[in-house]
Amino acid sequence: MDFELNEEQRMLRDMVRSFAQNEIEPVASELESRHEFPRDLLKKLANLGLMGMTVPAKYNGIKTDYLSLSITLEEISRSLPSLAVILSVHSSLFCYSVNKYGSEQLKSTYLPKAAAGEILGAFSLTEPGAGSDISALSTQAVRREGRFVLNGTKAWVSNGNDAGAFILFAQTEAGSGGKKLSAFLVDRETPGLRVSKIEEKMGLNASITTDLVLEDCEIPEDNLLGDEGKGASIALHCLDCSRIGIAAQSVGLAQRALDEAVAYSRQREAFGTTISQIQAIQFMLADIATLTEASRLLTYRAAALYDLEKPFSKAAAMAKLYASEAANKVAYQALQIHGGYGYSREFMIEQLYRDARVLSIYEGTSEIQRMVIARFLLKE
């Protein structure tokens, strides 16, 4: 097995790492403390082509392999996890969904703008009363004179305040009085669509999360993604892909926490030496370095399986489960190494500790990942 990145992937990694160090890190702390959406950084990502990594060249993108997208998300998360979340939702959920399931009209209308950074995409499945159980979604889409009319409320919409278009899921009539989930693209300017609440979150403060309200929101029939009633399978497939992105974000955050712990241990003195010379600290560093590297390998494996067009859903769930929980453990131990200073907002590790917590929750909790993995095991 070849565990090495190819030359193009190494060049991409080095380019994104340099961009992150020179452009993201100098403003990251201020963006987080001010809860400010990083619009200027997104423009710069678009200029580098990084907003169109899942968009074909036909629509002015630079469609790359999924491993390259994972590497990009990892490097950005290493400097500003919030920005990695924004890019991941835009690329692995919005652009990916439109390209795979959208009509030619939707692709030609939205993908070039998305690749150029002229619009930001969002993906909205969760509702106030329905998260992991998508069968409980209550948003309705009713056919009326060649259009769909949507009514309902969506929750926890990343990019919701700045998105130019949304992938939304709603229940449609399926005959015999039944309901089936369908997927739609809804433009930001559609009458009846509005952002209601902006969430005050524990972490990822530069990534703005909102509720959406749909009140008699009318969209063309052509804005249906895929076949009517196939929304559940569309959502699950797209989430399988995006879980690789969450795993990559986790790896980047864990790597930064490890970097911070190593650097601090070399500076901090106690008992007549730097704490890096104390065996207990060395053991902690060894453990979190191993967790980080194992997470990276699981993530790259899942991305490689996708690129090889092999079954990847179980590998994606494993990568997301392990990497997200490892990131939390790494952040915990890295903060412990900092001692009391780790509890101060003057140190990056305090932010990383807060940012890490959501990784094992969104886009499928750890418990959901375990269910997915177990189902595959019992089928084999």
Protein backbone atom coordinates (compact mmCIF):
# COMPACT_ATOMS: atom_id res chain seq x y z
CA MET A 1 0.00 0.00 0.00
CA ASP A 2 1.16 3.52 -0.84
CA PHE A 3 0.65 5.94 2.04
CA GLU A 4 2.37 8.83 0.27
CA LEU A 5 0.58 11.77 -1.32
CA ASN A 6 1.28 12.28 -5.00
CA GLU A 7 3.15 15.34 -6.23
CA GLU A 8 0.00 17.35 -7.00
CA GLN A 9 -1.46 16.61 -3.58
CA ARG A 10 1.76 17.63 -1.85
CA MET A 11 1.86 20.88 -3.85
CA LEU A 12 -1.76 21.58 -2.92
CA ARG A 13 -1.08 20.85 0.77
CA ASP A 14 1.94 23.16 0.80
CA MET A 15 0.05 25.93 -1.00
CA VAL A 16 -2.94 25.77 1.36
CA ARG A 17 -0.66 25.55 4.40
CA SER A 18 1.25 28.64 3.27
CA PHE A 19 -2.01 30.50 2.63
CA ALA A 20 -3.33 29.50 6.04
CA GLN A 21 -0.20 30.64 7.84
CA ASN A 22 0.10 33.94 5.97
CA GLU A 23 -3.52 34.95 5.41
CA ILE A 24 -5.71 33.11 7.93
CA GLU A 25 -3.70 32.94 11.15
CA PRO A 26 -3.03 36.70 11.45
CA VAL A 27 -6.79 37.40 11.58
CA ALA A 28 -8.17 34.16 13.04
CA SER A 29 -8.23 35.20 16.69
CA GLU A 30 -9.96 38.50 15.95
CA LEU A 31 -12.59 36.84 13.76
CA GLU A 32 -13.38 34.34 16.49
CA SER A 33 -13.50 36.86 19.31
CA ARG A 34 -15.78 39.18 17.30
CA HIS A 35 -17.97 36.32 15.99
CA GLU A 36 -17.24 37.71 12.53
CA PHE A 37 -17.97 35.76 9.36
CA PRO A 38 -14.73 35.52 7.30
CA ARG A 39 -16.01 36.99 4.01
CA ASP A 40 -12.64 38.36 2.91
CA LEU A 41 -10.97 34.98 3.45
CA LEU A 42 -13.67 33.27 1.38
CA LYS A 43 -12.95 35.66 -1.50
CA LYS A 44 -9.27 34.74 -1.28
CA LEU A 45 -10.14 31.02 -1.23
CA ALA A 46 -12.22 31.57 -4.36
CA ASN A 47 -9.30 33.31 -6.08
CA LEU A 48 -7.22 30.20 -5.38
CA GLY A 49 -9.93 27.97 -6.87
CA LEU A 50 -10.66 26.35 -3.52
CA MET A 51 -14.37 27.18 -3.57
CA GLY A 52 -14.83 25.01 -6.65
CA MET A 53 -13.08 21.80 -5.66
CA THR A 54 -16.23 19.71 -6.22
CA VAL A 55 -17.34 21.69 -9.29
CA PRO A 56 -16.45 20.36 -12.78
CA ALA A 57 -14.39 22.52 -15.16
CA LYS A 58 -17.50 22.79 -17.37
CA TYR A 59 -18.95 25.05 -14.65
CA ASN A 60 -15.67 26.90 -14.02
CA GLY A 61 -14.58 24.71 -11.11
CA ILE A 62 -11.36 22.76 -10.59
CA LYS A 63 -12.95 19.46 -9.60
CA THR A 64 -10.30 17.48 -7.73
CA ASP A 65 -10.20 14.11 -6.02
CA TYR A 66 -11.78 13.86 -2.58
CA LEU A 67 -8.44 13.27 -0.91
CA SER A 68 -7.30 16.70 -2.13
CA LEU A 69 -10.43 18.28 -0.66
CA SER A 70 -9.74 16.49 2.63
CA ILE A 71 -6.16 17.76 2.70
CA THR A 72 -7.40 21.30 2.05
CA LEU A 73 -9.96 21.14 4.85
CA GLU A 74 -7.36 19.70 7.22
CA GLU A 75 -4.90 22.51 6.57
CA ILE A 76 -7.53 25.24 6.89
CA SER A 77 -8.91 23.71 10.09
CA ARG A 78 -5.41 23.77 11.50
CA SER A 79 -5.52 27.58 11.36
CA LEU A 80 -9.24 28.41 11.70
CA PRO A 81 -11.69 25.52 12.23
CA SER A 82 -14.66 27.82 11.57
CA LEU A 83 -13.46 28.50 8.04
CA ALA A 84 -13.02 24.79 7.37
CA VAL A 85 -16.65 24.20 8.39
CA ILE A 86 -17.85 26.93 6.03
CA LEU A 87 -15.85 25.55 3.11
CA SER A 88 -16.84 21.95 3.86
CA VAL A 89 -20.57 22.74 3.83
CA HIS A 90 -20.20 24.75 0.63
CA SER A 91 -18.11 22.13 -1.19
CA SER A 92 -19.02 18.69 0.11
CA LEU A 93 -22.71 19.34 0.70
CA PHE A 94 -24.01 22.18 -1.47
CA CYS A 95 -21.86 22.03 -4.62
CA TYR A 96 -21.60 18.25 -4.48
CA SER A 97 -25.40 17.86 -4.21
CA VAL A 98 -26.16 20.27 -7.03
CA ASN A 99 -23.61 18.63 -9.32
CA LYS A 100 -24.79 15.10 -8.60
CA TYR A 101 -28.56 15.59 -8.43
CA GLY A 102 -29.40 18.94 -10.00
CA SER A 103 -30.82 19.57 -13.47
CA GLU A 104 -28.59 21.09 -16.13
CA GLN A 105 -30.34 24.41 -15.58
CA LEU A 106 -29.57 24.36 -11.84
CA LYS A 107 -25.96 23.35 -12.45
CA SER A 108 -25.33 26.06 -15.04
CA THR A 109 -27.06 28.68 -12.89
CA TYR A 110 -25.49 27.99 -9.48
CA LEU A 111 -22.24 26.07 -9.84
CA PRO A 112 -20.23 28.75 -11.72
CA LYS A 113 -21.24 31.33 -9.10
CA ALA A 114 -20.40 28.93 -6.29
CA ALA A 115 -16.97 28.12 -7.74
CA ALA A 116 -16.21 31.83 -8.17
CA GLY A 117 -17.25 32.60 -4.61
CA GLU A 118 -20.08 34.83 -5.84
CA ILE A 119 -22.53 32.79 -3.79
CA LEU A 120 -22.05 30.60 -0.76
CA GLY A 121 -24.00 27.37 -0.43
CA ALA A 122 -25.77 25.85 2.58
CA PHE A 123 -27.37 22.49 3.36
CA SER A 124 -30.41 22.24 5.62
CA LEU A 125 -31.78 18.95 6.89
CA THR A 126 -32.21 19.36 10.66
CA GLU A 127 -35.33 20.89 12.23
CA PRO A 128 -36.12 22.01 15.80
CA GLY A 129 -37.90 18.71 16.45
CA ALA A 130 -35.89 16.40 14.21
CA GLY A 131 -32.17 15.74 14.02
CA SER A 132 -30.81 12.23 13.60
CA ASP A 133 -34.31 10.86 12.90
CA ILE A 134 -34.98 12.31 9.45
CA SER A 135 -38.34 10.51 9.28
CA ALA A 136 -39.56 13.06 11.84
CA LEU A 137 -38.97 16.07 9.57
CA SER A 138 -42.12 18.16 9.34
CA THR A 139 -41.33 20.80 6.68
CA GLN A 140 -43.85 20.33 3.85
CA ALA A 141 -43.57 20.86 0.09
CA VAL A 142 -46.89 20.84 -1.81
CA ARG A 143 -47.26 20.90 -5.59
CA ARG A 144 -49.31 23.82 -6.84
CA GLU A 145 -49.67 24.80 -10.51
CA GLY A 146 -46.24 23.64 -11.63
CA ARG A 147 -44.44 24.82 -8.51
CA PHE A 148 -43.65 23.60 -5.02
CA VAL A 149 -44.80 25.58 -1.99
CA LEU A 150 -42.66 25.03 1.13
CA ASN A 151 -43.66 25.65 4.73
CA GLY A 152 -41.67 24.82 7.85
CA THR A 153 -38.71 25.70 10.04
CA LYS A 154 -35.11 24.51 9.71
CA ALA A 155 -32.48 24.59 12.44
CA TRP A 156 -28.68 24.58 12.79
CA VAL A 157 -28.04 25.84 9.26
CA SER A 158 -24.31 26.49 8.84
CA ASN A 159 -23.66 29.44 6.48
CA GLY A 160 -27.35 30.33 6.86
CA ASN A 161 -26.81 34.05 7.30
CA ASP A 162 -24.61 34.46 4.21
CA ALA A 163 -25.68 31.68 1.85
CA GLY A 164 -26.97 32.60 -1.59
CA ALA A 165 -28.71 29.25 -2.02
CA PHE A 166 -29.81 26.35 0.17
CA ILE A 167 -30.30 22.62 -0.27
CA LEU A 168 -33.47 21.95 1.75
CA PHE A 169 -35.35 18.76 2.56
CA ALA A 170 -39.12 18.60 2.91
CA GLN A 171 -41.91 16.04 2.97
CA THR A 172 -43.96 15.61 -0.24
CA GLU A 173 -47.11 13.62 -0.95
CA ALA A 174 -46.34 10.01 -1.90
CA GLY A 175 -49.83 8.65 -2.64
CA SER A 176 -52.29 6.96 -0.28
CA GLY A 177 -51.88 9.87 2.08
CA GLY A 178 -48.24 9.03 2.76
CA LYS A 179 -45.23 11.34 2.81
CA LYS A 180 -41.75 10.94 1.41
CA LEU A 181 -38.74 13.19 1.76
CA SER A 182 -37.62 15.23 -1.25
CA ALA A 183 -34.66 17.54 -1.82
CA PHE A 184 -34.88 21.07 -3.22
CA LEU A 185 -32.65 24.00 -4.09
CA VAL A 186 -34.02 27.28 -2.75
CA ASP A 187 -32.52 30.62 -3.76
CA ARG A 188 -31.84 33.15 -1.02
CA GLU A 189 -34.01 35.75 -2.77
CA THR A 190 -37.11 33.52 -2.86
CA PRO A 191 -40.07 35.27 -1.20
CA GLY A 192 -41.15 33.44 1.94
CA LEU A 193 -37.62 32.36 2.96
CA ARG A 194 -36.03 34.19 5.87
CA VAL A 195 -33.34 33.73 8.47
CA SER A 196 -34.86 33.85 11.94
CA LYS A 197 -32.47 33.07 14.80
CA ILE A 198 -28.68 33.21 14.90
CA GLU A 199 -27.36 30.63 17.36
CA GLU A 200 -25.02 31.62 20.19
CA LYS A 201 -22.68 28.64 20.14
CA MET A 202 -20.01 27.25 22.43
CA GLY A 203 -17.38 27.34 19.68
CA LEU A 204 -16.78 27.88 15.96
CA ASN A 205 -17.76 31.50 16.49
CA ALA A 206 -16.75 32.70 13.02
CA SER A 207 -19.06 30.12 11.46
CA ILE A 208 -22.56 31.59 11.69
CA THR A 209 -25.38 29.11 12.35
CA THR A 210 -29.03 30.04 11.93
CA ASP A 211 -32.63 28.91 11.79
CA LEU A 212 -34.60 29.27 8.56
CA VAL A 213 -38.32 29.88 8.27
CA LEU A 214 -40.29 29.02 5.12
CA GLU A 215 -43.71 30.59 4.81
CA ASP A 216 -45.50 29.82 1.51
CA CYS A 217 -42.10 29.77 -0.14
CA GLU A 218 -42.72 29.02 -3.85
CA ILE A 219 -40.02 27.50 -6.03
CA PRO A 220 -40.09 26.10 -9.61
CA GLU A 221 -40.55 22.36 -10.10
CA ASP A 222 -37.12 22.31 -11.72
CA ASN A 223 -35.59 23.12 -8.33
CA LEU A 224 -36.27 19.54 -7.24
CA LEU A 225 -32.99 17.63 -6.80
CA GLY A 226 -33.14 14.06 -8.05
CA ASP A 227 -36.48 12.27 -8.07
CA GLU A 228 -39.36 13.28 -5.89
CA GLY A 229 -39.54 11.11 -2.78
CA LYS A 230 -35.84 10.18 -2.96
CA GLY A 231 -34.69 12.84 -0.53
CA ALA A 232 -33.74 10.42 2.23
CA SER A 233 -31.29 8.51 0.05
CA ILE A 234 -29.90 11.79 -1.30
CA ALA A 235 -29.38 13.15 2.21
CA LEU A 236 -27.72 9.98 3.47
CA HIS A 237 -25.37 9.75 0.49
CA CYS A 238 -24.34 13.41 0.76
CA LEU A 239 -23.78 13.05 4.49
CA ASP A 240 -21.58 10.01 3.87
CA CYS A 241 -19.36 12.21 1.70
CA SER A 242 -19.37 15.17 4.04
CA ARG A 243 -18.39 12.98 7.00
CA ILE A 244 -15.00 12.61 5.39
CA GLY A 245 -14.80 16.39 5.48
CA ILE A 246 -15.69 16.47 9.18
CA ALA A 247 -13.00 13.89 9.82
CA ALA A 248 -10.51 16.07 7.94
CA GLN A 249 -11.53 19.08 10.02
CA SER A 250 -10.97 16.96 13.14
CA VAL A 251 -7.48 16.00 11.98
CA GLY A 252 -6.55 19.62 11.33
CA LEU A 253 -7.80 20.74 14.74
CA ALA A 254 -6.03 17.87 16.49
CA GLN A 255 -2.78 18.65 14.68
CA ARG A 256 -2.95 22.28 15.77
CA ALA A 257 -3.68 21.26 19.37
CA LEU A 258 -0.68 18.92 19.25
CA ASP A 259 1.50 21.68 17.78
CA GLU A 260 0.44 24.05 20.54
CA ALA A 261 1.11 21.45 23.24
CA VAL A 262 4.59 20.64 21.93
CA ALA A 263 5.53 24.32 21.62
CA TYR A 264 4.25 25.16 25.11
CA SER A 265 6.00 22.17 26.69
CA ARG A 266 9.31 23.42 25.29
CA GLN A 267 8.80 26.87 26.80
CA ARG A 268 7.24 26.19 30.18
CA GLU A 269 9.66 25.53 33.02
CA ALA A 270 8.94 23.62 36.19
CA PHE A 271 11.10 21.77 38.72
CA GLY A 272 14.26 23.18 37.16
CA THR A 273 13.61 22.08 33.57
CA THR A 274 11.18 22.55 30.72
CA ILE A 275 8.11 20.40 31.15
CA SER A 276 8.94 18.70 27.83
CA GLN A 277 11.61 16.79 29.77
CA ILE A 278 9.09 15.42 32.26
CA GLN A 279 8.10 11.85 31.42
CA ALA A 280 4.40 12.35 32.24
CA ILE A 281 4.23 15.17 29.68
CA GLN A 282 6.14 13.11 27.12
CA PHE A 283 3.64 10.26 27.50
CA MET A 284 0.75 12.67 26.95
CA LEU A 285 2.40 14.08 23.82
CA ALA A 286 3.04 10.58 22.49
CA ASP A 287 -0.58 9.59 23.02
CA ILE A 288 -2.08 12.62 21.31
CA ALA A 289 0.37 12.40 18.41
CA THR A 290 -0.68 8.78 17.87
CA LEU A 291 -4.37 9.67 18.03
CA THR A 292 -3.82 12.43 15.46
CA GLU A 293 -1.92 10.25 13.02
CA ALA A 294 -4.41 7.39 13.30
CA SER A 295 -7.20 9.86 12.56
CA ARG A 296 -5.36 11.11 9.51
CA LEU A 297 -4.88 7.62 8.11
CA LEU A 298 -8.53 6.68 8.61
CA THR A 299 -9.61 9.92 6.93
CA TYR A 300 -7.30 9.53 3.96
CA ARG A 301 -8.41 5.91 3.54
CA ALA A 302 -12.08 6.91 3.38
CA ALA A 303 -11.31 9.64 0.85
CA ALA A 304 -9.20 7.25 -1.23
CA LEU A 305 -11.98 4.67 -1.31
CA TYR A 306 -14.38 7.34 -2.58
CA ASP A 307 -11.89 8.37 -5.26
CA LEU A 308 -11.49 4.74 -6.34
CA GLU A 309 -15.30 4.49 -6.63
CA LYS A 310 -15.34 1.71 -4.05
CA PRO A 311 -17.86 1.39 -1.19
CA PHE A 312 -16.85 4.06 1.32
CA SER A 313 -19.80 4.64 3.66
CA LYS A 314 -18.49 2.42 6.48
CA ALA A 315 -14.99 3.88 6.15
CA ALA A 316 -16.43 7.42 6.23
CA ALA A 317 -18.39 6.64 9.40
CA MET A 318 -15.30 5.11 11.01
CA ALA A 319 -13.17 8.11 10.07
CA LYS A 320 -15.73 10.59 11.36
CA LEU A 321 -16.29 8.65 14.59
CA TYR A 322 -12.64 8.11 15.41
CA ALA A 323 -11.25 11.46 14.26
CA SER A 324 -13.95 13.56 15.95
CA GLU A 325 -13.59 11.77 19.28
CA ALA A 326 -9.80 11.80 18.97
CA ALA A 327 -9.85 15.57 18.37
CA ASN A 328 -11.74 16.02 21.64
CA LYS A 329 -9.25 13.84 23.50
CA VAL A 330 -6.30 15.62 21.93
CA ALA A 331 -7.69 19.06 22.76
CA TYR A 332 -8.35 17.93 26.35
CA GLN A 333 -4.83 16.60 26.85
CA ALA A 334 -3.21 19.55 25.09
CA LEU A 335 -5.08 21.94 27.38
CA GLN A 336 -4.01 19.85 30.38
CA ILE A 337 -0.39 20.25 29.31
CA HIS A 338 -0.92 24.03 29.31
CA GLY A 339 -2.18 23.85 32.90
CA GLY A 340 -3.95 26.98 34.12
CA TYR A 341 -2.88 28.94 31.05
CA GLY A 342 -4.90 26.58 28.89
CA TYR A 343 -8.02 27.98 30.52
CA SER A 344 -7.13 31.49 29.38
CA ARG A 345 -8.36 32.92 26.11
CA GLU A 346 -4.89 34.31 25.54
CA PHE A 347 -3.89 30.82 24.38
CA MET A 348 -5.14 29.13 21.19
CA ILE A 349 -5.78 25.84 22.96
CA GLU A 350 -8.77 27.33 24.82
CA GLN A 351 -10.51 28.01 21.49
CA LEU A 352 -9.57 24.62 20.06
CA TYR A 353 -11.01 22.89 23.13
CA ARG A 354 -14.37 24.61 22.54
CA ASP A 355 -14.31 24.14 18.77
CA ALA A 356 -13.62 20.42 19.08
CA ARG A 357 -16.77 19.60 21.02
CA VAL A 358 -19.20 19.83 18.11
CA LEU A 359 -17.18 17.50 15.87
CA SER A 360 -18.70 14.40 17.44
CA ILE A 361 -22.20 15.87 17.19
CA TYR A 362 -22.92 17.47 13.83
CA GLU A 363 -23.49 15.59 10.57
CA GLY A 364 -24.26 12.47 12.56
CA THR A 365 -23.41 12.02 16.24
CA SER A 366 -20.89 9.43 17.37
CA GLU A 367 -23.81 7.20 18.32
CA ILE A 368 -25.21 7.41 14.78
CA GLN A 369 -21.78 6.56 13.35
CA ARG A 370 -21.63 3.49 15.55
CA MET A 371 -25.07 2.43 14.30
CA VAL A 372 -23.93 2.85 10.69
CA ILE A 373 -20.76 0.85 11.25
CA ALA A 374 -22.60 -1.92 13.09
CA ARG A 375 -25.19 -2.25 10.31
CA PHE A 376 -22.45 -2.77 7.76
CA LEU A 377 -20.71 -5.31 9.97
CA LEU A 378 -23.91 -7.30 10.45
CA LYS A 379 -24.58 -7.34 6.70
CA GLU A 380 -21.12 -8.63 5.79
